[in-house]
Protein backbone atom coordinates (compact mmCIF):
# COMPACT_ATOMS: atom_id res chain seq x y z
CA MET A 1 -4.51 13.76 12.62
CA THR A 2 -3.78 10.89 14.95
CA VAL A 3 -2.28 7.93 13.18
CA PRO A 4 -3.50 4.59 14.41
CA THR A 5 -1.34 1.55 14.81
CA LEU A 6 -3.11 -1.11 12.76
CA GLU A 7 -2.37 -4.50 14.18
CA ASN A 8 -3.45 -8.12 14.37
CA ASN A 9 -1.68 -11.30 15.42
CA ARG A 10 0.39 -11.36 12.19
CA VAL A 11 1.35 -7.78 11.36
CA LYS A 12 1.81 -4.34 12.89
CA LEU A 13 1.50 -1.19 10.79
CA SER A 14 2.82 1.95 12.45
CA LEU A 15 3.64 5.44 11.18
CA LEU A 16 6.63 5.48 8.82
CA ASP A 17 8.80 8.53 9.34
CA LEU A 18 12.38 9.73 9.38
CA SER A 19 12.94 8.16 12.80
CA ASN A 20 12.35 4.56 11.72
CA TYR A 21 12.79 4.21 7.96
CA GLN A 22 16.37 2.91 8.38
CA HIS A 23 14.85 -0.45 9.34
CA LEU A 24 13.95 -0.78 5.64
CA GLU A 25 17.29 0.06 4.03
CA GLY A 26 18.31 -3.56 3.42
CA ILE A 27 14.93 -4.54 1.99
CA ALA A 28 14.72 -1.43 -0.19
CA GLN A 29 17.86 -2.48 -2.03
CA GLU A 30 16.51 -5.91 -3.05
CA LYS A 31 16.58 -6.37 -6.83
CA ASP A 32 13.38 -5.53 -8.75
CA LEU A 33 11.42 -4.90 -5.55
CA ILE A 34 9.55 -1.91 -6.98
CA PHE A 35 10.24 -2.41 -10.67
CA TYR A 36 6.70 -1.32 -11.60
CA SER A 37 6.78 1.84 -9.48
CA PRO A 38 7.82 5.29 -10.67
CA SER A 39 9.65 5.68 -7.33
CA ASP A 40 13.29 4.84 -6.63
CA ILE A 41 14.37 3.47 -3.24
CA SER A 42 17.57 1.77 -4.40
CA THR A 43 20.01 3.73 -2.20
CA PRO A 44 19.74 4.95 1.40
CA GLU A 45 19.53 8.54 0.10
CA LYS A 46 16.74 7.74 -2.36
CA LEU A 47 14.85 5.80 0.32
CA ARG A 48 15.13 8.80 2.65
CA ASP A 49 13.77 11.07 -0.11
CA TYR A 50 10.90 8.62 -0.69
CA VAL A 51 10.05 8.69 3.03
CA GLN A 52 10.37 12.50 3.13
CA VAL A 53 7.72 12.78 0.39
CA ALA A 54 5.44 10.54 2.48
CA VAL A 55 6.09 12.59 5.63
CA ASP A 56 5.32 15.82 3.74
CA GLY A 57 2.06 14.27 2.52
CA TYR A 58 1.24 13.22 6.06
CA TYR A 59 1.56 16.80 7.29
CA HIS A 60 -0.69 17.92 4.44
CA LYS A 61 -3.20 15.18 5.40
CA THR A 62 -3.07 13.49 1.99
CA ILE A 63 -0.90 10.50 2.97
CA ILE A 64 -0.66 8.13 5.93
CA PRO A 65 2.53 6.06 5.48
CA PHE A 66 3.16 2.85 7.41
CA ILE A 67 6.19 0.74 8.20
CA ILE A 68 5.31 -2.96 8.14
CA TYR A 69 6.47 -5.27 10.92
CA ASP A 70 5.93 -9.01 10.42
CA LYS A 71 5.23 -10.47 13.88
CA LYS A 72 5.64 -14.05 12.69
CA LYS A 73 9.15 -13.45 11.34
CA GLU A 74 9.88 -10.78 13.98
CA ALA A 75 11.27 -8.46 11.32
CA TYR A 76 10.48 -5.29 9.44
CA ALA A 77 9.10 -6.26 6.04
CA GLY A 78 8.49 -3.07 4.04
CA SER A 79 6.15 -0.14 3.64
CA THR A 80 2.62 0.74 2.52
CA ARG A 81 0.40 3.79 2.69
CA PHE A 82 -2.92 5.46 2.33
CA GLY A 83 -2.42 8.08 -0.35
CA LEU A 84 -4.30 10.66 -2.37
CA ILE A 85 -6.67 10.94 0.60
CA ASN A 86 -9.72 12.94 -0.39
CA TRP A 87 -11.47 13.74 2.89
CA LYS A 88 -14.34 15.60 1.21
CA ASN A 89 -15.28 12.80 -1.20
CA LYS A 90 -14.29 10.02 1.23
CA VAL A 91 -12.01 8.24 -1.23
CA LEU A 92 -8.42 7.16 -0.75
CA HIS A 93 -5.84 4.97 -2.41
CA ILE A 94 -4.06 2.03 -0.84
CA GLY A 95 -0.71 1.51 -2.45
CA TRP A 96 2.99 2.29 -2.51
CA THR A 97 3.24 -1.19 -1.01
CA TRP A 98 6.51 -3.07 -1.12
CA ILE A 99 7.60 -5.97 1.00
CA GLY A 100 10.84 -7.91 0.88
CA HIS A 101 10.98 -10.97 -1.35
CA SER A 102 11.18 -13.34 1.63
CA PHE A 103 7.87 -11.97 2.95
CA GLN A 104 6.00 -12.32 -0.34
CA GLY A 105 3.59 -15.23 -0.69
CA THR A 106 3.40 -15.74 3.09
CA GLY A 107 -0.04 -14.22 3.69
CA LEU A 108 1.48 -11.03 5.09
CA ASN A 109 0.07 -8.79 2.35
CA ALA A 110 -3.48 -10.11 2.84
CA ASN A 111 -3.23 -9.24 6.53
CA ILE A 112 -1.96 -5.76 5.67
CA LYS A 113 -4.77 -5.12 3.21
CA PHE A 114 -7.41 -6.45 5.61
CA LEU A 115 -6.32 -4.04 8.34
CA MET A 116 -6.18 -1.11 5.92
CA LEU A 117 -9.57 -1.85 4.35
CA GLN A 118 -11.18 -2.39 7.74
CA TYR A 119 -9.80 0.93 9.01
CA THR A 120 -10.88 2.79 5.87
CA PHE A 121 -14.46 1.53 5.85
CA GLU A 122 -15.16 0.94 9.54
CA THR A 123 -13.23 3.72 11.28
CA LEU A 124 -12.80 6.49 8.70
CA ASN A 125 -16.19 5.60 7.20
CA PHE A 126 -14.90 6.27 3.70
CA ASP A 127 -16.96 5.36 0.64
CA LYS A 128 -14.27 3.92 -1.62
CA VAL A 129 -10.76 2.52 -1.76
CA GLU A 130 -8.81 2.65 -4.99
CA PHE A 131 -5.72 0.76 -6.12
CA ARG A 132 -3.58 1.94 -9.06
CA ILE A 133 -1.34 -0.69 -10.63
CA ASP A 134 0.98 -0.76 -13.64
CA GLU A 135 -0.83 -2.64 -16.40
CA ARG A 136 2.23 -4.91 -16.81
CA ASN A 137 2.32 -5.91 -13.13
CA ASN A 138 0.27 -9.10 -13.30
CA LYS A 139 1.35 -10.28 -9.84
CA SER A 140 -0.03 -7.16 -8.11
CA ARG A 141 -3.12 -7.11 -10.31
CA ARG A 142 -3.96 -10.70 -9.34
CA ALA A 143 -3.36 -9.90 -5.67
CA VAL A 144 -5.78 -6.95 -5.74
CA GLU A 145 -8.36 -8.98 -7.67
CA LYS A 146 -8.15 -11.67 -4.96
CA LEU A 147 -9.12 -8.96 -2.45
CA GLY A 148 -12.39 -8.44 -4.31
CA ALA A 149 -11.45 -5.21 -6.08
CA THR A 150 -13.13 -4.42 -9.39
CA LEU A 151 -11.17 -3.24 -12.43
CA GLU A 152 -12.79 0.10 -13.27
CA GLY A 153 -10.64 1.09 -16.21
CA ILE A 154 -7.17 1.66 -17.56
CA LEU A 155 -5.51 5.06 -17.79
CA ARG A 156 -3.44 4.84 -20.93
CA LYS A 157 0.19 6.01 -20.77
CA ASP A 158 -0.48 8.18 -17.71
CA THR A 159 2.64 7.70 -15.55
CA LEU A 160 6.27 8.38 -16.43
CA MET A 161 8.57 5.70 -15.01
CA SER A 162 12.13 6.34 -13.85
CA ASP A 163 13.52 4.61 -16.98
CA GLY A 164 11.52 6.92 -19.28
CA PHE A 165 8.78 4.37 -20.09
CA LYS A 166 5.24 5.78 -20.03
CA ARG A 167 3.11 3.16 -18.28
CA SER A 168 -0.62 2.56 -18.46
CA THR A 169 -2.31 2.25 -15.06
CA CYS A 170 -5.11 -0.14 -14.08
CA CYS A 171 -7.63 1.43 -11.71
CA TYR A 172 -9.30 -0.93 -9.25
CA GLY A 173 -11.85 -0.08 -6.58
CA ILE A 174 -13.77 -1.42 -3.61
CA LEU A 175 -16.92 0.37 -2.46
CA LYS A 176 -18.05 0.65 1.16
CA GLU A 177 -21.22 -1.33 0.39
CA GLU A 178 -19.07 -4.17 -1.02
CA TRP A 179 -16.92 -4.38 2.11
CA PRO A 180 -19.24 -6.49 4.34
CA GLN A 181 -19.43 -9.25 1.70
CA ILE A 182 -15.69 -9.11 1.01
CA LYS A 183 -14.95 -9.20 4.74
CA ALA A 184 -17.30 -12.16 5.28
CA THR A 185 -15.91 -14.21 2.38
CA ILE A 186 -12.38 -13.29 1.32
CA PHE A 187 -11.27 -12.29 4.83
CA LYS A 188 -13.45 -14.73 6.79
CA THR A 189 -10.44 -16.19 8.66
CA PHE A 190 -9.18 -12.81 9.88
């Protein structure tokens, strides 16, 4: 599987692996960066373990992890990935996204999601993208809704968090046939 570099004038997404994850160590330790995630990236060792899981998934063709480089700020900003890739059914998840606090609200995430959606629907020719978000994470839920994703349901108490809390997960989706309209309206300036 050849991993593309997804890139526009604002952002560059390239393969995240054990050779480059150190660029993210400072960001990963920012307070409450992934509060709503069951993952833990709070120490260099835990971040390395997090990346190792992504690398293992990459070799099993179920994950494509990216390191995010913000061209405007000329700095590494965080990480995102395609996950739970189902090649047979042509469905994947976009998630595991975290960007440093100073990059949030700058339009960076919209650029990231545009490139990922475009690649999924126009290059991979997949039928559906899903997003799974903690029910309590209103900021991420609003962001995904702004992308044109539809709330399909809520999985009640389905994910164990690192603090022992059992979260409920909102399932959002975008279908391939919805992409042209979303691209022409929500992403019309891209």
